[in-house]
Protein backbone atom coordinates (compact mmCIF):
# COMPACT_ATOMS: atom_id res chain seq x y z
CA MET A 1 -0.43 -0.41 -0.18
CA SER A 2 2.30 2.30 -1.37
CA ASP A 3 2.22 6.46 -1.12
CA SER A 4 2.12 6.86 -4.46
CA SER A 5 -0.03 4.20 -5.84
CA ASN A 6 -2.44 4.11 -3.76
CA THR A 7 -2.98 6.74 -1.33
CA PRO A 8 -5.26 8.61 -3.86
CA THR A 9 -7.55 6.05 -3.85
CA ILE A 10 -7.62 5.77 -0.29
CA THR A 11 -8.44 9.10 -0.08
CA SER A 12 -11.68 8.63 -2.04
CA THR A 13 -12.72 6.19 -0.45
CA LEU A 14 -12.94 7.52 2.41
CA LYS A 15 -14.47 10.18 1.26
CA ARG A 16 -17.08 7.93 -0.70
CA LEU A 17 -17.73 6.35 3.01
CA ASN A 18 -17.99 9.88 4.52
CA PHE A 19 -15.24 9.66 6.80
CA GLN A 20 -12.93 12.80 7.44
CA PRO A 21 -9.56 11.81 8.75
CA ILE A 22 -7.74 13.18 11.05
CA ASP A 23 -4.31 11.28 11.47
CA GLU A 24 -2.77 8.53 10.12
CA LEU A 25 -2.28 6.09 12.72
CA LYS A 26 -0.70 2.41 11.09
CA ARG A 27 0.39 1.89 7.21
CA SER A 28 1.33 -1.29 5.97
CA PRO A 29 1.46 -2.94 2.01
CA SER A 30 -1.66 -5.20 3.46
CA CYS A 31 -3.35 -2.57 5.16
CA ALA A 32 -3.52 0.98 6.38
CA ILE A 33 -5.46 2.70 9.50
CA TYR A 34 -6.79 5.94 10.42
CA ARG A 35 -8.37 8.51 13.29
CA GLY A 36 -10.96 10.00 12.16
CA GLU A 37 -14.09 11.38 11.97
CA ARG A 38 -17.94 9.78 10.88
CA ARG A 39 -19.14 13.53 8.36
CA ASN A 40 -22.85 12.33 9.70
CA ASP A 41 -23.10 12.16 13.34
CA GLY A 42 -19.15 13.24 14.21
CA GLU A 43 -18.38 9.96 16.54
CA GLN A 44 -15.07 10.09 15.96
CA VAL A 45 -13.84 6.29 15.23
CA VAL A 46 -11.14 3.63 13.95
CA VAL A 47 -10.96 3.05 10.24
CA LYS A 48 -8.69 0.04 8.49
CA ILE A 49 -8.80 -0.34 4.84
CA MET A 50 -7.47 -4.20 4.55
CA VAL A 51 -6.06 -4.47 0.31
CA VAL A 52 -6.47 -7.87 -0.84
CA GLU A 53 -4.56 -9.18 -3.75
CA GLY A 54 -4.27 -12.80 -5.03
CA SER A 55 -4.96 -15.56 -3.63
CA ARG A 56 -5.12 -13.99 0.06
CA THR A 57 -9.12 -12.89 -1.01
CA SER A 58 -11.03 -15.73 -0.99
CA ASN A 59 -9.30 -16.23 2.51
CA TYR A 60 -10.24 -11.94 3.52
CA ARG A 61 -13.72 -12.84 2.55
CA LYS A 62 -14.20 -15.83 4.70
CA PHE A 63 -12.36 -12.79 7.51
CA PHE A 64 -15.13 -10.13 6.02
CA ALA A 65 -18.54 -12.76 6.94
CA GLN A 66 -17.21 -13.90 10.03
CA ASP A 67 -16.87 -10.02 10.89
CA GLN A 68 -19.83 -8.87 10.08
CA LEU A 69 -21.07 -12.11 12.40
CA ALA A 70 -19.12 -11.22 15.64
CA GLN A 71 -20.16 -7.49 14.87
CA ARG A 72 -23.22 -8.51 15.46
CA LYS A 73 -23.12 -10.83 18.04
CA LEU A 74 -20.83 -9.87 19.93
CA ARG A 75 -21.71 -6.60 23.14
CA HIS A 76 -19.92 -6.90 25.68
CA ALA A 77 -18.00 -3.99 28.11
CA THR A 78 -14.50 -5.29 27.69
CA LEU A 79 -14.63 -5.84 23.68
CA VAL A 80 -13.42 -2.69 21.05
CA ARG A 81 -16.73 -2.24 19.33
CA MET A 82 -17.17 -2.02 15.88
CA VAL A 83 -19.39 -0.23 14.25
CA GLN A 84 -19.41 -1.29 10.78
CA SER A 85 -17.97 -3.59 8.29
CA THR A 86 -17.99 -3.19 4.54
CA ARG A 87 -16.59 -3.39 0.98
CA THR A 88 -16.02 -0.75 -1.55
CA LEU A 89 -16.84 0.15 -5.12
CA GLU A 90 -12.45 -0.88 -5.35
CA PRO A 91 -11.80 -4.36 -5.57
CA ASN A 92 -10.39 -6.89 -3.06
CA ARG A 93 -10.88 -3.70 -0.22
CA ILE A 94 -12.11 -4.31 2.63
CA VAL A 95 -13.04 -1.09 5.88
CA LEU A 96 -13.70 -1.73 9.33
CA TRP A 97 -15.22 -0.01 11.39
CA MET A 98 -14.36 0.83 15.19
CA GLU A 99 -14.23 2.24 18.56
CA TYR A 100 -11.20 4.73 18.88
CA MET A 101 -10.01 4.34 21.47
CA GLU A 102 -7.54 7.03 23.07
CA GLY A 103 -5.10 5.27 25.64
CA GLY A 104 -2.87 3.49 22.38
CA SER A 105 -2.28 -0.20 23.31
CA LEU A 106 -0.84 -2.57 26.44
CA LEU A 107 1.86 -3.20 24.09
CA ASP A 108 2.78 1.03 24.10
CA LEU A 109 2.23 0.41 27.84
CA ILE A 110 5.04 -1.62 28.67
CA LEU A 111 7.22 -0.07 26.25
CA SER A 112 6.97 3.13 27.80
CA GLU A 113 8.01 1.13 31.29
CA SER A 114 10.89 0.22 32.57
CA GLU A 115 10.35 -2.37 34.36
CA PRO A 116 7.60 -4.90 34.61
CA LEU A 117 4.24 -3.81 35.45
CA ASP A 118 3.08 -4.39 39.33
CA GLU A 119 1.35 -7.64 40.38
CA THR A 120 -1.67 -5.30 41.24
CA ILE A 121 -2.27 -3.26 37.80
CA ALA A 122 -1.61 -6.14 36.18
CA ARG A 123 -4.50 -7.99 38.03
CA GLN A 124 -6.78 -5.57 37.25
CA TYR A 125 -5.53 -5.34 33.77
CA TYR A 126 -6.00 -8.67 32.75
CA ARG A 127 -9.30 -9.33 34.49
CA GLN A 128 -10.79 -6.87 32.46
CA ILE A 129 -9.21 -9.03 29.15
CA CYS A 130 -9.48 -12.54 31.31
CA ASP A 131 -13.98 -11.05 31.00
CA ALA A 132 -13.57 -10.11 27.71
CA LEU A 133 -12.62 -13.78 26.26
CA LYS A 134 -14.67 -15.69 28.83
CA TYR A 135 -17.56 -13.35 27.51
CA MET A 136 -16.84 -14.23 24.17
CA HIS A 137 -16.32 -17.93 24.50
CA ALA A 138 -19.95 -18.05 26.12
CA GLU A 139 -21.37 -17.33 23.20
CA ASN A 140 -19.23 -19.54 21.34
CA PHE A 141 -16.69 -17.58 19.53
CA SER A 142 -12.80 -17.80 19.57
CA HIS A 143 -10.77 -14.57 19.24
CA LYS A 144 -7.47 -16.92 17.71
CA ASN A 145 -5.24 -13.95 17.12
CA ILE A 146 -4.56 -12.40 21.08
CA LYS A 147 -1.95 -9.95 21.84
CA CYS A 148 -0.73 -6.81 23.33
CA GLU A 149 -1.05 -5.16 20.68
CA LYS A 150 -4.70 -6.33 20.54
CA ILE A 151 -5.61 -4.62 23.59
CA LEU A 152 -6.44 -0.68 24.04
CA PHE A 153 -7.15 2.01 26.87
CA ASN A 154 -9.33 4.49 26.57
CA ALA A 155 -8.02 8.89 27.34
CA ASP A 156 -6.79 7.47 31.25
CA ARG A 157 -6.45 3.86 31.07
CA THR A 158 -8.55 3.13 33.60
CA ILE A 159 -10.44 0.60 31.21
CA CYS A 160 -8.34 -1.72 28.87
CA LYS A 161 -10.55 -3.32 25.91
CA LEU A 162 -9.43 -6.79 23.08
CA ALA A 163 -9.72 -5.33 19.82
CA ASP A 164 -9.68 -6.33 15.94
CA TYR A 165 -12.12 -9.65 14.96
CA ALA A 166 -9.95 -9.77 11.74
CA LEU A 167 -9.30 -13.59 12.39
CA THR A 168 -12.26 -13.77 15.13
CA ARG A 169 -14.80 -17.16 14.35
CA SER A 170 -17.61 -17.96 15.41
CA CYS A 171 -17.17 -22.57 17.14
CA PHE A 172 -18.98 -24.85 17.60
CA PRO A 173 -18.42 -25.97 21.35
CA TYR A 174 -15.85 -28.55 21.43
CA SER A 175 -17.66 -31.43 22.17
CA ARG A 176 -19.23 -31.55 18.88
CA GLN A 177 -15.69 -32.49 17.60
CA GLN A 178 -16.00 -30.05 15.25
CA PRO A 179 -12.11 -29.28 13.61
CA LEU A 180 -11.48 -25.56 12.15
CA LEU A 181 -11.50 -25.04 8.69
CA ASP A 182 -8.55 -24.16 7.52
CA GLY A 183 -4.98 -22.89 8.70
CA TYR A 184 -5.42 -19.51 8.77
CA TYR A 185 -3.07 -19.07 11.42
CA CYS A 186 0.01 -19.02 8.98
CA GLN A 187 -1.38 -15.52 7.91
CA CYS A 188 -0.66 -13.91 11.10
CA PRO A 189 2.98 -13.67 12.28
CA SER A 190 2.36 -13.05 15.61
CA ALA A 191 3.56 -16.62 16.40
CA ALA A 192 5.02 -16.06 19.47
CA TYR A 193 1.32 -15.93 21.00
CA ILE A 194 0.36 -18.99 19.89
CA ALA A 195 -0.32 -21.69 21.32
CA PRO A 196 1.78 -24.82 20.39
CA GLU A 197 -1.09 -26.95 19.04
CA VAL A 198 -1.95 -24.42 16.81
CA LEU A 199 1.79 -24.08 15.57
CA ILE A 200 2.32 -28.01 14.84
CA GLN A 201 -0.69 -27.91 12.96
CA ASP A 202 0.82 -25.27 10.67
CA SER A 203 3.86 -27.20 10.48
CA ARG A 204 1.88 -30.13 8.72
CA PRO A 205 -1.01 -28.56 6.61
CA PHE A 206 -1.67 -32.42 4.89
CA ASP A 207 -2.47 -33.66 8.44
CA GLN A 208 -4.88 -31.49 9.81
CA ARG A 209 -6.79 -32.08 13.07
CA PRO A 210 -9.33 -30.57 15.54
CA TYR A 211 -8.39 -29.08 18.55
CA ASN A 212 -9.43 -27.07 20.80
CA PRO A 213 -9.42 -22.83 19.94
CA PHE A 214 -11.11 -21.62 23.82
CA ARG A 215 -7.74 -23.84 24.93
CA SER A 216 -5.93 -22.10 22.12
CA ASP A 217 -7.29 -18.73 23.21
CA VAL A 218 -6.63 -19.19 26.56
CA TYR A 219 -2.75 -20.11 26.14
CA SER A 220 -2.85 -17.02 24.18
CA ALA A 221 -3.43 -14.67 27.04
CA GLY A 222 -1.18 -16.85 29.34
CA VAL A 223 1.65 -15.42 26.67
CA VAL A 224 -0.58 -12.11 27.80
CA LEU A 225 -0.43 -12.49 30.84
CA TYR A 226 4.04 -13.39 31.12
CA VAL A 227 5.34 -10.40 28.93
CA ILE A 228 2.99 -8.16 31.75
CA THR A 229 4.18 -9.43 33.98
CA HIS A 230 8.19 -10.21 32.87
CA ARG A 231 8.25 -7.35 30.01
CA GLN A 232 9.91 -9.77 28.18
CA LEU A 233 7.76 -13.63 25.92
CA PRO A 234 7.79 -16.63 27.39
CA ILE A 235 9.82 -18.37 24.51
CA ARG A 236 12.34 -16.54 23.06
CA GLU A 237 13.58 -19.14 20.03
CA TRP A 238 13.33 -17.81 16.29
CA ASN A 239 13.10 -21.24 14.28
CA LEU A 240 10.13 -22.43 14.78
CA ARG A 241 10.52 -26.28 14.85
CA PHE A 242 12.97 -25.42 18.47
CA TRP A 243 10.08 -22.84 19.34
CA ILE A 244 7.51 -25.49 19.48
CA ILE A 245 10.07 -27.78 21.57
CA ALA A 246 10.35 -25.44 23.39
CA GLN A 247 6.54 -24.98 24.12
CA MET A 248 6.13 -28.16 24.79
CA LYS A 249 9.56 -28.92 26.86
CA ARG A 250 7.48 -25.92 29.19
CA LYS A 251 11.79 -23.94 29.00
CA PHE A 252 10.89 -20.56 30.37
CA THR A 253 11.34 -18.87 33.16
CA ILE A 254 8.94 -17.59 36.55
CA ASN A 255 10.52 -14.24 38.04
CA SER A 256 10.84 -15.57 41.69
CA ARG A 257 9.62 -11.85 43.15
CA LEU A 258 6.36 -13.25 41.96
CA THR A 259 3.83 -14.41 44.12
CA ILE A 260 2.68 -18.47 44.28
CA GLU A 261 -0.53 -17.23 43.59
CA LEU A 262 0.67 -15.52 39.87
CA LYS A 263 2.91 -18.44 39.43
CA GLU A 264 -0.13 -21.12 39.08
CA LEU A 265 -1.98 -19.09 36.77
CA ILE A 266 0.49 -18.69 34.68
CA GLU A 267 1.72 -22.23 34.47
CA SER A 268 -2.03 -23.63 33.84
CA GLN A 269 -2.49 -21.17 31.12
CA LEU A 270 0.86 -22.15 29.02
CA TYR A 271 0.40 -25.98 30.22
CA PRO A 272 1.38 -27.61 26.51
CA GLN A 273 -1.27 -29.72 27.02
CA PRO A 274 -4.44 -28.06 26.01
CA SER A 275 -6.54 -30.66 27.85
CA VAL A 276 -5.15 -30.02 30.74
CA ARG A 277 -5.31 -25.83 30.68
CA PRO A 278 -7.61 -24.14 32.56
CA SER A 279 -11.18 -22.96 30.62
CA MET A 280 -11.45 -18.94 30.32
CA GLU A 281 -14.11 -19.48 33.25
CA GLU A 282 -11.62 -21.58 35.24
CA VAL A 283 -8.83 -19.03 34.49
CA VAL A 284 -10.93 -16.27 36.80
CA GLU A 285 -11.36 -18.43 39.63
CA PHE A 286 -8.57 -18.66 40.49
CA ARG A 287 -6.38 -17.38 44.05
CA TRP A 288 -4.53 -14.31 42.15
CA PHE A 289 -7.69 -12.94 41.01
CA THR A 290 -9.61 -12.62 44.55
CA ASN A 291 -8.76 -8.83 45.70
CA VAL A 292 -9.59 -7.07 43.01
CA ASP A 293 -10.89 -3.87 43.44
CA PRO A 294 -13.69 -3.15 40.67
CA ASN A 295 -13.74 0.14 41.41
CA HIS A 296 -9.66 0.94 41.19
CA TRP A 297 -9.46 0.04 37.56
CA SER A 298 -6.98 3.72 36.70
CA HIS A 299 -2.98 2.47 36.61
CA GLN A 300 -2.16 5.71 37.40
CA ASN A 301 -4.68 5.82 40.56
CA VAL A 302 -3.17 2.41 41.85
CA ARG A 303 0.35 2.96 41.43
CA ASN A 304 -0.11 6.35 43.24
CA ASN A 305 -0.91 4.39 46.64
């Protein structure tokens, strides 16, 4: 999505969509993200324009259909609100409209700190993430792309929400043994957050087997929790084969300064066998959450206590 060839087309697309851009938040070869206002009501929203080319077109058509389904079905205080999703007159172009979260991402917050977040702060943010996933799973949706960049804050960082439903799927309960339909994770660059059973699927595309998408979400959320409390990833191999081996052998170290309750939660969510991992309903019942004060979410307020 180069400036010289695509910017005029994107500008005209935004104009036809009755959207007034304020600033560009991100640009890559496959998408552009803008903050701006809808001219009809003045609401500030974020618009993500995805350009799909070649063999990826059929995959993005499926993503578009799933995104529309998630937009209609999912409504929760800890999920970024999807305003709408549309296709444009231009070929292979999909536009997603979503709630604007002024406070940036969880990754922005982590990188702005010189040390990992305090457990009290981490607990209160992570509980909101867990509430979002617990709700999605209860509605039979799996997010499938959980990472720190997808967790966004309001202006004063009192509320964090889970964002981006491009890979979200509506799933039957795993008890019905429904296989996933494609190896979509091959198109997702965030292997660092992906459960080992999913990475193994990608390494053998001709031997696809059913797996529990809800428990793979639990693993990904566990990686988020580790990053929040350690300021680094649990596994740091650069070869996929060695990465999977390290996951299966649980080759990560938990900081000794953390409470035993937090260690228990991290270890349970990062367990390599999905059948041993807790569900999100079970995660929120872990001892680490027992002292959460739902009326005291603010990052700054907690730090000043």
